[in-house]
Amino acid sequence: MSKDLDIGSDGLGRCSWASATPELREYHDSEWGLPVSDDGGLFEHICLEAFQCGLSWLTILRKREAFRQGFASFEIEAVARFGDADIARLLAEPGIVRNRAKIVASIENARRSQEVIAEDGSLAQLIWPYAPPPAAAPRSYAEVATVTPESRALAQELKRRGFRYLGPTTVCALMQACGLINAHLAGCHARERVDAARVEVLSRLD
């Protein structure tokens, strides 16, 4: 068995990073990798992955509810209307990552998301076509790519459309979190469930 796979007290195999804290285990088991195709969910991940740059995901996860409160539950229309008073409010909010550039980027990304929805119908119609074909399950973290040709291409398209803080590595993490890439290791109990859900979403968006 890979050293990167843990067997929990419940007898289930998990990617070992999920064993670090209860929050990570819950996120791994109930959310990470399950397909996200609704505009609000995709926008939330766009924002949170951008805020994670240079930080651990656990830091963001522990601040997630404060982010949701500060960013109007990540409702795109609401965030797109944020102005200087909202930026000042968020910079004074200790529960989030108080980084002006990332706050401004999130507001701009909401406005760019509005444009995508107006042009393409939804964020999913822009993002999900970049999902790569199914691949063999990675057996260790060394086999999990942090950048892929698809994440480079999607990052380039997002940049062309004016999105910020979404380079190829951040976009690859976004694709893994939102189910475009199944990064659960071989032997992880969540992998098969993610694969099945991914097929359903791709067929619906086709």
N, C-alpha and C. Protein backbone atom coordinates (compact mmCIF):
# COMPACT_ATOMS: atom_id res chain seq x y z
N MET A 1 0.84 -1.20 0.00
CA MET A 1 0.00 0.00 0.00
C MET A 1 0.88 1.25 0.00
N SER A 2 0.46 2.26 -0.73
CA SER A 2 1.22 3.50 -0.80
C SER A 2 1.29 4.16 0.57
N LYS A 3 2.44 4.77 0.85
CA LYS A 3 2.60 5.51 2.10
C LYS A 3 1.71 6.75 2.12
N ASP A 4 1.20 7.13 0.95
CA ASP A 4 0.34 8.30 0.85
C ASP A 4 -1.14 7.96 1.01
N LEU A 5 -1.42 6.69 1.32
CA LEU A 5 -2.79 6.26 1.57
C LEU A 5 -2.89 5.75 3.00
N ASP A 6 -3.89 6.25 3.73
CA ASP A 6 -4.11 5.82 5.11
C ASP A 6 -5.37 4.96 5.18
N ILE A 7 -5.38 4.01 6.09
CA ILE A 7 -6.58 3.24 6.40
C ILE A 7 -7.10 3.75 7.74
N GLY A 8 -8.30 4.31 7.73
CA GLY A 8 -8.84 4.89 8.94
C GLY A 8 -9.40 3.87 9.90
N SER A 9 -9.80 4.33 11.07
CA SER A 9 -10.39 3.45 12.08
C SER A 9 -11.69 2.84 11.58
N ASP A 10 -12.28 3.45 10.54
CA ASP A 10 -13.51 2.91 9.96
C ASP A 10 -13.21 1.89 8.87
N GLY A 11 -11.91 1.62 8.65
CA GLY A 11 -11.51 0.63 7.66
C GLY A 11 -11.45 1.15 6.24
N LEU A 12 -11.71 2.44 6.03
CA LEU A 12 -11.70 3.02 4.69
C LEU A 12 -10.35 3.62 4.35
N GLY A 13 -9.92 3.43 3.10
CA GLY A 13 -8.70 4.05 2.63
C GLY A 13 -8.94 5.51 2.28
N ARG A 14 -7.97 6.37 2.62
CA ARG A 14 -8.08 7.79 2.33
C ARG A 14 -6.73 8.34 1.92
N CYS A 15 -6.75 9.37 1.07
CA CYS A 15 -5.55 10.14 0.81
C CYS A 15 -5.02 10.62 2.15
N SER A 16 -3.73 10.43 2.41
CA SER A 16 -3.23 10.62 3.77
C SER A 16 -3.34 12.06 4.28
N TRP A 17 -3.39 13.04 3.36
CA TRP A 17 -3.52 14.43 3.82
C TRP A 17 -4.81 14.63 4.60
N ALA A 18 -5.80 13.79 4.32
CA ALA A 18 -7.09 13.93 5.01
C ALA A 18 -7.03 13.53 6.47
N SER A 19 -5.97 12.84 6.86
CA SER A 19 -5.85 12.37 8.24
C SER A 19 -5.27 13.42 9.18
N ALA A 20 -4.84 14.55 8.62
CA ALA A 20 -4.13 15.55 9.43
C ALA A 20 -5.03 16.20 10.48
N THR A 21 -6.28 16.51 10.11
CA THR A 21 -7.20 17.17 11.03
C THR A 21 -8.63 16.69 10.74
N PRO A 22 -9.54 16.83 11.70
CA PRO A 22 -10.93 16.47 11.43
C PRO A 22 -11.54 17.29 10.29
N GLU A 23 -11.14 18.58 10.19
CA GLU A 23 -11.69 19.42 9.13
C GLU A 23 -11.29 18.91 7.75
N LEU A 24 -10.02 18.51 7.61
CA LEU A 24 -9.57 18.00 6.32
C LEU A 24 -10.23 16.66 5.99
N ARG A 25 -10.42 15.83 7.00
CA ARG A 25 -11.08 14.54 6.75
C ARG A 25 -12.52 14.76 6.27
N GLU A 26 -13.24 15.66 6.90
CA GLU A 26 -14.61 15.94 6.50
C GLU A 26 -14.65 16.50 5.08
N TYR A 27 -13.75 17.43 4.79
CA TYR A 27 -13.69 18.03 3.46
C TYR A 27 -13.36 16.97 2.40
N HIS A 28 -12.39 16.12 2.70
CA HIS A 28 -12.00 15.05 1.78
C HIS A 28 -13.16 14.10 1.52
N ASP A 29 -13.83 13.67 2.58
CA ASP A 29 -14.86 12.64 2.45
C ASP A 29 -16.14 13.15 1.83
N SER A 30 -16.49 14.41 2.08
CA SER A 30 -17.81 14.89 1.68
C SER A 30 -17.80 15.85 0.50
N GLU A 31 -16.62 16.35 0.12
CA GLU A 31 -16.64 17.43 -0.87
C GLU A 31 -15.52 17.36 -1.91
N TRP A 32 -14.28 17.16 -1.49
CA TRP A 32 -13.16 17.33 -2.41
C TRP A 32 -13.26 16.37 -3.60
N GLY A 33 -13.27 16.93 -4.79
CA GLY A 33 -13.31 16.12 -5.99
C GLY A 33 -14.70 15.85 -6.52
N LEU A 34 -15.72 16.00 -5.69
CA LEU A 34 -17.08 15.82 -6.21
C LEU A 34 -17.39 16.98 -7.16
N PRO A 35 -17.96 16.69 -8.32
CA PRO A 35 -18.13 17.72 -9.34
C PRO A 35 -18.96 18.91 -8.87
N VAL A 36 -18.46 20.08 -9.21
CA VAL A 36 -19.16 21.34 -8.95
C VAL A 36 -19.47 21.95 -10.31
N SER A 37 -20.74 22.19 -10.59
CA SER A 37 -21.09 22.75 -11.90
C SER A 37 -22.02 23.95 -11.81
N ASP A 38 -22.48 24.30 -10.61
CA ASP A 38 -23.33 25.48 -10.48
C ASP A 38 -22.48 26.74 -10.38
N ASP A 39 -23.02 27.85 -10.84
CA ASP A 39 -22.25 29.09 -10.90
C ASP A 39 -21.75 29.53 -9.53
N GLY A 40 -22.61 29.46 -8.51
CA GLY A 40 -22.21 29.89 -7.18
C GLY A 40 -21.09 29.04 -6.61
N GLY A 41 -21.21 27.73 -6.78
CA GLY A 41 -20.18 26.83 -6.28
C GLY A 41 -18.85 27.03 -6.98
N LEU A 42 -18.87 27.17 -8.30
CA LEU A 42 -17.64 27.40 -9.04
C LEU A 42 -17.01 28.74 -8.67
N PHE A 43 -17.85 29.77 -8.50
CA PHE A 43 -17.31 31.07 -8.13
C PHE A 43 -16.69 31.03 -6.74
N GLU A 44 -17.32 30.34 -5.81
CA GLU A 44 -16.73 30.21 -4.47
C GLU A 44 -15.35 29.58 -4.55
N HIS A 45 -15.22 28.51 -5.32
CA HIS A 45 -13.92 27.86 -5.44
C HIS A 45 -12.91 28.75 -6.15
N ILE A 46 -13.34 29.50 -7.15
CA ILE A 46 -12.44 30.44 -7.81
C ILE A 46 -11.87 31.42 -6.79
N CYS A 47 -12.73 31.94 -5.94
CA CYS A 47 -12.29 32.91 -4.93
C CYS A 47 -11.37 32.26 -3.90
N LEU A 48 -11.80 31.13 -3.35
CA LEU A 48 -11.03 30.51 -2.27
C LEU A 48 -9.69 29.99 -2.76
N GLU A 49 -9.64 29.43 -3.96
CA GLU A 49 -8.35 28.97 -4.49
C GLU A 49 -7.41 30.15 -4.71
N ALA A 50 -7.94 31.28 -5.14
CA ALA A 50 -7.10 32.47 -5.31
C ALA A 50 -6.58 32.95 -3.96
N PHE A 51 -7.43 32.95 -2.95
CA PHE A 51 -6.99 33.36 -1.61
C PHE A 51 -5.97 32.39 -1.04
N GLN A 52 -6.01 31.14 -1.47
CA GLN A 52 -5.09 30.15 -0.91
C GLN A 52 -3.65 30.34 -1.39
N CYS A 53 -3.45 31.05 -2.48
CA CYS A 53 -2.09 31.23 -3.03
C CYS A 53 -1.12 31.63 -1.92
N GLY A 54 -0.10 30.83 -1.70
CA GLY A 54 0.90 31.11 -0.67
C GLY A 54 0.50 30.65 0.71
N LEU A 55 -0.67 30.05 0.86
CA LEU A 55 -1.16 29.61 2.17
C LEU A 55 -1.55 28.14 2.09
N SER A 56 -1.85 27.54 3.23
CA SER A 56 -2.33 26.16 3.24
C SER A 56 -3.84 26.14 3.03
N TRP A 57 -4.35 25.04 2.47
CA TRP A 57 -5.78 24.92 2.30
C TRP A 57 -6.49 24.85 3.65
N LEU A 58 -5.84 24.29 4.66
CA LEU A 58 -6.46 24.22 5.97
C LEU A 58 -6.75 25.62 6.51
N THR A 59 -5.85 26.56 6.27
CA THR A 59 -6.08 27.95 6.68
C THR A 59 -7.35 28.49 6.05
N ILE A 60 -7.52 28.25 4.76
CA ILE A 60 -8.71 28.73 4.05
C ILE A 60 -9.95 28.01 4.54
N LEU A 61 -9.83 26.71 4.74
CA LEU A 61 -10.98 25.92 5.17
C LEU A 61 -11.50 26.41 6.52
N ARG A 62 -10.60 26.73 7.42
CA ARG A 62 -11.01 27.20 8.74
C ARG A 62 -11.63 28.59 8.70
N LYS A 63 -11.35 29.35 7.65
CA LYS A 63 -11.90 30.69 7.50
C LYS A 63 -13.08 30.72 6.52
N ARG A 64 -13.49 29.56 6.05
CA ARG A 64 -14.48 29.51 4.97
C ARG A 64 -15.79 30.18 5.34
N GLU A 65 -16.30 29.94 6.52
CA GLU A 65 -17.58 30.55 6.90
C GLU A 65 -17.46 32.06 6.98
N ALA A 66 -16.32 32.54 7.47
CA ALA A 66 -16.12 34.00 7.52
C ALA A 66 -16.04 34.57 6.10
N PHE A 67 -15.39 33.83 5.20
CA PHE A 67 -15.37 34.26 3.80
C PHE A 67 -16.80 34.33 3.24
N ARG A 68 -17.59 33.31 3.53
CA ARG A 68 -18.95 33.29 3.02
C ARG A 68 -19.76 34.47 3.54
N GLN A 69 -19.59 34.79 4.82
CA GLN A 69 -20.30 35.93 5.38
C GLN A 69 -19.81 37.23 4.75
N GLY A 70 -18.50 37.36 4.60
CA GLY A 70 -17.94 38.59 4.07
C GLY A 70 -18.23 38.81 2.60
N PHE A 71 -18.35 37.71 1.85
CA PHE A 71 -18.55 37.80 0.41
C PHE A 71 -19.97 37.39 -0.02
N ALA A 72 -20.94 37.73 0.81
CA ALA A 72 -22.36 37.57 0.45
C ALA A 72 -22.68 36.17 -0.05
N SER A 73 -22.15 35.17 0.67
CA SER A 73 -22.35 33.76 0.31
C SER A 73 -21.89 33.45 -1.12
N PHE A 74 -20.96 34.27 -1.61
CA PHE A 74 -20.39 34.12 -2.95
C PHE A 74 -21.46 34.19 -4.04
N GLU A 75 -22.47 35.02 -3.81
CA GLU A 75 -23.45 35.29 -4.86
C GLU A 75 -22.80 36.26 -5.85
N ILE A 76 -22.68 35.82 -7.07
CA ILE A 76 -21.91 36.57 -8.06
C ILE A 76 -22.44 37.99 -8.25
N GLU A 77 -23.74 38.12 -8.38
CA GLU A 77 -24.32 39.45 -8.61
C GLU A 77 -24.02 40.39 -7.44
N ALA A 78 -24.09 39.86 -6.23
CA ALA A 78 -23.84 40.70 -5.04
C ALA A 78 -22.37 41.12 -4.97
N VAL A 79 -21.46 40.18 -5.17
CA VAL A 79 -20.03 40.51 -5.07
C VAL A 79 -19.63 41.46 -6.19
N ALA A 80 -20.22 41.31 -7.35
CA ALA A 80 -19.89 42.20 -8.48
C ALA A 80 -20.25 43.65 -8.16
N ARG A 81 -21.18 43.86 -7.24
CA ARG A 81 -21.57 45.23 -6.87
C ARG A 81 -20.71 45.81 -5.76
N PHE A 82 -19.80 45.03 -5.20
CA PHE A 82 -18.95 45.54 -4.11
C PHE A 82 -18.14 46.74 -4.60
N GLY A 83 -17.99 47.71 -3.68
CA GLY A 83 -17.21 48.90 -3.98
C GLY A 83 -16.18 49.17 -2.90
N ASP A 84 -15.72 50.40 -2.83
CA ASP A 84 -14.66 50.76 -1.89
C ASP A 84 -15.05 50.49 -0.44
N ALA A 85 -16.31 50.75 -0.09
CA ALA A 85 -16.75 50.51 1.30
C ALA A 85 -16.66 49.03 1.64
N ASP A 86 -16.97 48.17 0.68
CA ASP A 86 -16.89 46.73 0.93
C ASP A 86 -15.43 46.28 1.04
N ILE A 87 -14.57 46.86 0.23
CA ILE A 87 -13.14 46.52 0.34
C ILE A 87 -12.62 46.89 1.72
N ALA A 88 -12.99 48.10 2.20
CA ALA A 88 -12.56 48.53 3.53
C ALA A 88 -13.14 47.60 4.60
N ARG A 89 -14.39 47.21 4.44
CA ARG A 89 -15.03 46.30 5.40
C ARG A 89 -14.30 44.97 5.46
N LEU A 90 -13.95 44.43 4.31
CA LEU A 90 -13.27 43.13 4.26
C LEU A 90 -11.85 43.22 4.80
N LEU A 91 -11.19 44.33 4.57
CA LEU A 91 -9.83 44.51 5.10
C LEU A 91 -9.83 44.61 6.62
N ALA A 92 -10.98 44.94 7.19
CA ALA A 92 -11.10 45.03 8.65
C ALA A 92 -11.66 43.75 9.26
N GLU A 93 -11.93 42.74 8.45
CA GLU A 93 -12.54 41.51 8.92
C GLU A 93 -11.45 40.49 9.30
N PRO A 94 -11.26 40.24 10.61
CA PRO A 94 -10.17 39.35 11.03
C PRO A 94 -10.39 37.88 10.66
N GLY A 95 -11.63 37.53 10.31
CA GLY A 95 -11.91 36.12 10.04
C GLY A 95 -11.47 35.64 8.67
N ILE A 96 -11.10 36.57 7.77
CA ILE A 96 -10.67 36.18 6.43
C ILE A 96 -9.20 36.50 6.24
N VAL A 97 -8.68 36.20 5.06
CA VAL A 97 -7.32 36.60 4.69
C VAL A 97 -7.41 38.04 4.19
N ARG A 98 -6.81 38.96 4.94
CA ARG A 98 -6.96 40.38 4.62
C ARG A 98 -5.86 40.83 3.66
N ASN A 99 -6.04 40.47 2.41
CA ASN A 99 -5.10 40.80 1.35
C ASN A 99 -5.85 41.63 0.32
N ARG A 100 -5.49 42.90 0.23
CA ARG A 100 -6.23 43.82 -0.65
C ARG A 100 -6.27 43.33 -2.09
N ALA A 101 -5.12 42.89 -2.60
CA ALA A 101 -5.06 42.48 -4.01
C ALA A 101 -6.01 41.30 -4.27
N LYS A 102 -6.07 40.35 -3.33
CA LYS A 102 -6.94 39.19 -3.52
C LYS A 102 -8.41 39.55 -3.35
N ILE A 103 -8.69 40.48 -2.45
CA ILE A 103 -10.07 40.95 -2.29
C ILE A 103 -10.54 41.64 -3.57
N VAL A 104 -9.71 42.54 -4.09
CA VAL A 104 -10.07 43.24 -5.32
C VAL A 104 -10.20 42.25 -6.48
N ALA A 105 -9.30 41.26 -6.52
CA ALA A 105 -9.37 40.25 -7.58
C ALA A 105 -10.69 39.48 -7.51
N SER A 106 -11.15 39.16 -6.31
CA SER A 106 -12.41 38.42 -6.18
C SER A 106 -13.59 39.23 -6.70
N ILE A 107 -13.57 40.53 -6.43
CA ILE A 107 -14.64 41.40 -6.95
C ILE A 107 -14.58 41.46 -8.47
N GLU A 108 -13.38 41.63 -9.00
CA GLU A 108 -13.23 41.66 -10.46
C GLU A 108 -13.61 40.32 -11.07
N ASN A 109 -13.27 39.23 -10.40
CA ASN A 109 -13.63 37.91 -10.92
C ASN A 109 -15.14 37.70 -10.93
N ALA A 110 -15.83 38.32 -9.99
CA ALA A 110 -17.30 38.26 -10.02
C ALA A 110 -17.83 38.98 -11.25
N ARG A 111 -17.24 40.11 -11.57
CA ARG A 111 -17.69 40.86 -12.76
C ARG A 111 -17.36 40.10 -14.04
N ARG A 112 -16.19 39.47 -14.06
CA ARG A 112 -15.84 38.66 -15.23
C ARG A 112 -16.75 37.44 -15.33
N SER A 113 -17.15 36.89 -14.17
CA SER A 113 -18.07 35.76 -14.17
C SER A 113 -19.42 36.15 -14.75
N GLN A 114 -19.88 37.36 -14.43
CA GLN A 114 -21.12 37.86 -15.02
C GLN A 114 -21.02 37.87 -16.54
N GLU A 115 -19.88 38.30 -17.04
CA GLU A 115 -19.69 38.37 -18.50
C GLU A 115 -19.71 36.98 -19.12
N VAL A 116 -19.06 36.03 -18.44
CA VAL A 116 -19.04 34.65 -18.93
C VAL A 116 -20.45 34.08 -18.98
N ILE A 117 -21.22 34.31 -17.92
CA ILE A 117 -22.59 33.78 -17.86
C ILE A 117 -23.45 34.40 -18.95
N ALA A 118 -23.25 35.71 -19.20
CA ALA A 118 -24.01 36.38 -20.26
C ALA A 118 -23.63 35.83 -21.63
N GLU A 119 -22.35 35.52 -21.84
CA GLU A 119 -21.88 35.07 -23.15
C GLU A 119 -22.07 33.57 -23.37
N ASP A 120 -21.76 32.78 -22.33
CA ASP A 120 -21.71 31.32 -22.49
C ASP A 120 -22.86 30.59 -21.82
N GLY A 121 -23.61 31.28 -20.99
CA GLY A 121 -24.73 30.66 -20.30
C GLY A 121 -24.45 30.28 -18.86
N SER A 122 -23.21 29.91 -18.56
CA SER A 122 -22.82 29.54 -17.20
C SER A 122 -21.31 29.44 -17.11
N LEU A 123 -20.79 29.46 -15.89
CA LEU A 123 -19.36 29.24 -15.70
C LEU A 123 -18.97 27.82 -16.10
N ALA A 124 -19.88 26.88 -15.85
CA ALA A 124 -19.58 25.49 -16.20
C ALA A 124 -19.34 25.32 -17.69
N GLN A 125 -20.07 26.06 -18.51
CA GLN A 125 -19.89 25.96 -19.96
C GLN A 125 -18.52 26.44 -20.39
N LEU A 126 -17.91 27.32 -19.62
CA LEU A 126 -16.53 27.74 -19.90
C LEU A 126 -15.52 26.77 -19.32
N ILE A 127 -15.74 26.34 -18.08
CA ILE A 127 -14.72 25.60 -17.34
C ILE A 127 -14.70 24.11 -17.66
N TRP A 128 -15.85 23.48 -17.70
CA TRP A 128 -15.88 22.01 -17.79
C TRP A 128 -15.37 21.42 -19.10
N PRO A 129 -15.42 22.13 -20.24
CA PRO A 129 -14.81 21.56 -21.45
C PRO A 129 -13.31 21.30 -21.32
N TYR A 130 -12.68 21.86 -20.29
CA TYR A 130 -11.25 21.64 -20.08
C TYR A 130 -10.98 20.40 -19.23
N ALA A 131 -12.02 19.69 -18.84
CA ALA A 131 -11.82 18.44 -18.08
C ALA A 131 -11.07 17.44 -18.95
N PRO A 132 -9.96 16.89 -18.47
CA PRO A 132 -9.20 15.93 -19.27
C PRO A 132 -9.90 14.58 -19.31
N PRO A 133 -9.49 13.70 -20.23
CA PRO A 133 -10.06 12.34 -20.24
C PRO A 133 -9.72 11.62 -18.94
N PRO A 134 -10.51 10.63 -18.56
CA PRO A 134 -10.21 9.85 -17.35
C PRO A 134 -8.80 9.25 -17.44
N ALA A 135 -8.14 9.18 -16.31
CA ALA A 135 -6.78 8.65 -16.26
C ALA A 135 -6.69 7.61 -15.16
N ALA A 136 -5.64 6.82 -15.21
CA ALA A 136 -5.41 5.82 -14.17
C ALA A 136 -5.25 6.51 -12.82
N ALA A 137 -5.70 5.84 -11.79
CA ALA A 137 -5.61 6.42 -10.44
C ALA A 137 -4.16 6.58 -10.03
N PRO A 138 -3.77 7.75 -9.53
CA PRO A 138 -2.40 7.90 -9.02
C PRO A 138 -2.20 7.04 -7.78
N ARG A 139 -1.00 6.48 -7.65
CA ARG A 139 -0.72 5.62 -6.50
C ARG A 139 0.08 6.34 -5.41
N SER A 140 0.51 7.54 -5.70
CA SER A 140 1.23 8.35 -4.71
C SER A 140 1.06 9.81 -5.08
N TYR A 141 1.39 10.69 -4.14
CA TYR A 141 1.31 12.11 -4.43
C TYR A 141 2.27 12.50 -5.55
N ALA A 142 3.36 11.77 -5.69
CA ALA A 142 4.33 12.06 -6.75
C ALA A 142 3.71 11.93 -8.13
N GLU A 143 2.64 11.14 -8.23
CA GLU A 143 1.97 10.95 -9.52
C GLU A 143 0.84 11.94 -9.76
N VAL A 144 0.56 12.79 -8.79
CA VAL A 144 -0.51 13.78 -8.92
C VAL A 144 0.09 15.07 -9.46
N ALA A 145 -0.29 15.44 -10.67
CA ALA A 145 0.26 16.64 -11.29
C ALA A 145 -0.25 17.90 -10.60
N THR A 146 0.62 18.88 -10.47
CA THR A 146 0.20 20.18 -9.93
C THR A 146 -0.10 21.16 -11.05
N VAL A 147 0.33 20.82 -12.26
CA VAL A 147 0.00 21.59 -13.46
C VAL A 147 -0.22 20.58 -14.58
N THR A 148 -1.24 20.79 -15.39
CA THR A 148 -1.52 19.92 -16.52
C THR A 148 -1.69 20.77 -17.78
N PRO A 149 -1.63 20.14 -18.96
CA PRO A 149 -1.90 20.92 -20.18
C PRO A 149 -3.28 21.60 -20.12
N GLU A 150 -4.24 20.90 -19.54
CA GLU A 150 -5.59 21.47 -19.45
C GLU A 150 -5.65 22.65 -18.48
N SER A 151 -4.92 22.56 -17.37
CA SER A 151 -4.94 23.68 -16.42
C SER A 151 -4.22 24.89 -17.02
N ARG A 152 -3.18 24.64 -17.80
CA ARG A 152 -2.50 25.75 -18.49
C ARG A 152 -3.44 26.42 -19.49
N ALA A 153 -4.16 25.59 -20.24
CA ALA A 153 -5.06 26.14 -21.26
C ALA A 153 -6.20 26.91 -20.62
N LEU A 154 -6.78 26.36 -19.55
CA LEU A 154 -7.88 27.04 -18.88
C LEU A 154 -7.39 28.33 -18.22
N ALA A 155 -6.23 28.29 -17.60
CA ALA A 155 -5.68 29.50 -16.98
C ALA A 155 -5.46 30.59 -18.03
N GLN A 156 -4.99 30.19 -19.20
CA GLN A 156 -4.77 31.16 -20.28
C GLN A 156 -6.09 31.77 -20.74
N GLU A 157 -7.12 30.95 -20.85
CA GLU A 157 -8.43 31.46 -21.27
C GLU A 157 -9.04 32.37 -20.20
N LEU A 158 -8.91 31.99 -18.93
CA LEU A 158 -9.41 32.84 -17.86
C LEU A 158 -8.68 34.18 -17.83
N LYS A 159 -7.37 34.14 -18.03
CA LYS A 159 -6.60 35.39 -18.09
C LYS A 159 -7.06 36.25 -19.25
N ARG A 160 -7.30 35.62 -20.41
CA ARG A 160 -7.75 36.36 -21.59
C ARG A 160 -9.07 37.07 -21.31
N ARG A 161 -9.90 36.43 -20.48
CA ARG A 161 -11.21 37.01 -20.16
C ARG A 161 -11.15 37.97 -18.98
N GLY A 162 -9.96 38.19 -18.43
CA GLY A 162 -9.80 39.21 -17.40
C GLY A 162 -9.81 38.72 -15.97
N PHE A 163 -9.85 37.39 -15.75
CA PHE A 163 -9.80 36.86 -14.39
C PHE A 163 -8.40 37.04 -13.81
N ARG A 164 -8.34 37.17 -12.49
CA ARG A 164 -7.06 37.41 -11.80
C ARG A 164 -6.75 36.28 -10.81
N TYR A 165 -5.46 36.16 -10.49
CA TYR A 165 -4.97 35.21 -9.48
C TYR A 165 -5.33 33.77 -9.83
N LEU A 166 -5.34 33.45 -11.10
CA LEU A 166 -5.69 32.10 -11.51
C LEU A 166 -4.66 31.58 -12.52
N GLY A 167 -3.45 31.34 -12.01
CA GLY A 167 -2.40 30.75 -12.83
C GLY A 167 -2.61 29.26 -12.98
N PRO A 168 -1.76 28.58 -13.76
CA PRO A 168 -1.94 27.15 -14.04
C PRO A 168 -1.97 26.26 -12.81
N THR A 169 -1.15 26.57 -11.78
CA THR A 169 -1.14 25.74 -10.57
C THR A 169 -2.43 25.92 -9.77
N THR A 170 -2.86 27.17 -9.61
CA THR A 170 -4.10 27.44 -8.90
C THR A 170 -5.29 26.83 -9.64
N VAL A 171 -5.27 26.93 -10.96
CA VAL A 171 -6.36 26.36 -11.75
C VAL A 171 -6.37 24.84 -11.66
N CYS A 172 -5.19 24.22 -11.59
CA CYS A 172 -5.13 22.77 -11.44
C CYS A 172 -5.76 22.36 -10.10
N ALA A 173 -5.46 23.11 -9.04
CA ALA A 173 -6.08 22.83 -7.74
C ALA A 173 -7.59 23.02 -7.81
N LEU A 174 -8.03 24.04 -8.53
CA LEU A 174 -9.46 24.28 -8.74
C LEU A 174 -10.11 23.10 -9.46
N MET A 175 -9.44 22.60 -10.48
CA MET A 175 -9.97 21.48 -11.26
C MET A 175 -10.05 20.21 -10.42
N GLN A 176 -9.09 20.01 -9.54
CA GLN A 176 -9.14 18.85 -8.65
C GLN A 176 -10.26 19.00 -7.62
N ALA A 177 -10.38 20.18 -7.05
CA ALA A 177 -11.39 20.41 -6.02
C ALA A 177 -12.81 20.28 -6.59
N CYS A 178 -12.99 20.72 -7.84
CA CYS A 178 -14.32 20.77 -8.44
C CYS A 178 -14.64 19.56 -9.31
N GLY A 179 -13.75 18.56 -9.32
CA GLY A 179 -14.07 17.30 -9.95
C GLY A 179 -13.71 17.15 -11.41
N LEU A 180 -13.11 18.16 -12.02
CA LEU A 180 -12.68 18.01 -13.40
C LEU A 180 -11.54 17.00 -13.51
N ILE A 181 -10.72 16.95 -12.46
CA ILE A 181 -9.63 15.98 -12.35
C ILE A 181 -9.87 15.18 -11.08
N ASN A 182 -9.85 13.87 -11.19
CA ASN A 182 -9.99 13.02 -9.99
C ASN A 182 -8.60 12.74 -9.45
N ALA A 183 -8.22 13.45 -8.39
CA ALA A 183 -6.89 13.30 -7.81
C ALA A 183 -6.87 12.41 -6.58
N HIS A 184 -7.97 11.75 -6.28
CA HIS A 184 -7.97 10.76 -5.19
C HIS A 184 -7.06 9.59 -5.58
N LEU A 185 -6.30 9.11 -4.62
CA LEU A 185 -5.35 8.03 -4.90
C LEU A 185 -6.05 6.69 -5.09
N ALA A 186 -5.36 5.78 -5.77
CA ALA A 186 -5.85 4.41 -5.88
C ALA A 186 -6.01 3.84 -4.47
N GLY A 187 -7.16 3.24 -4.22
CA GLY A 187 -7.45 2.69 -2.90
C GLY A 187 -8.21 3.64 -2.00
N CYS A 188 -8.35 4.91 -2.40
CA CYS A 188 -9.13 5.86 -1.61
C CYS A 188 -10.62 5.56 -1.83
N HIS A 189 -11.36 5.53 -0.76
CA HIS A 189 -12.78 5.16 -0.85
C HIS A 189 -13.60 6.16 -1.66
N ALA A 190 -13.10 7.40 -1.79
CA ALA A 190 -13.88 8.43 -2.49
C ALA A 190 -13.68 8.39 -4.00
N ARG A 191 -12.67 7.70 -4.48
CA ARG A 191 -12.32 7.81 -5.89
C ARG A 191 -13.44 7.33 -6.81
N GLU A 192 -14.01 6.17 -6.54
CA GLU A 192 -15.04 5.62 -7.42
C GLU A 192 -16.28 6.51 -7.44
N ARG A 193 -16.63 7.05 -6.29
CA ARG A 193 -17.80 7.94 -6.21
C ARG A 193 -17.58 9.20 -7.03
N VAL A 194 -16.36 9.76 -6.97
CA VAL A 194 -16.04 10.95 -7.75
C VAL A 194 -16.09 10.64 -9.25
N ASP A 195 -15.54 9.51 -9.66
CA ASP A 195 -15.56 9.14 -11.07
C ASP A 195 -16.99 9.04 -11.59
N ALA A 196 -17.87 8.40 -10.84
CA ALA A 196 -19.26 8.23 -11.27
C ALA A 196 -19.96 9.58 -11.38
N ALA A 197 -19.74 10.44 -10.41
CA ALA A 197 -20.38 11.76 -10.42
C ALA A 197 -19.84 12.61 -11.57
N ARG A 198 -18.56 12.47 -11.85
CA ARG A 198 -17.93 13.22 -12.94
C ARG A 198 -18.55 12.84 -14.29
N VAL A 199 -18.77 11.55 -14.51
CA VAL A 199 -19.38 11.08 -15.76
C VAL A 199 -20.77 11.68 -15.92
N GLU A 200 -21.53 11.73 -14.82
CA GLU A 200 -22.89 12.28 -14.88
C GLU A 200 -22.87 13.75 -15.27
N VAL A 201 -21.97 14.52 -14.69
CA VAL A 201 -21.90 15.95 -15.00
C VAL A 201 -21.47 16.16 -16.44
N LEU A 202 -20.46 15.43 -16.89
CA LEU A 202 -20.00 15.58 -18.27
C LEU A 202 -21.09 15.24 -19.27
N SER A 203 -21.87 14.23 -18.98
CA SER A 203 -22.95 13.85 -19.90
C SER A 203 -24.03 14.91 -19.92
N ARG A 204 -24.26 15.53 -18.79
CA ARG A 204 -25.30 16.57 -18.71
C ARG A 204 -24.87 17.85 -19.42
N LEU A 205 -23.58 18.16 -19.38
CA LEU A 205 -23.08 19.38 -19.99
C LEU A 205 -22.74 19.21 -21.46
N ASP A 206 -22.70 17.97 -21.93
CA ASP A 206 -22.31 17.69 -23.32
C ASP A 206 -23.32 18.28 -24.30
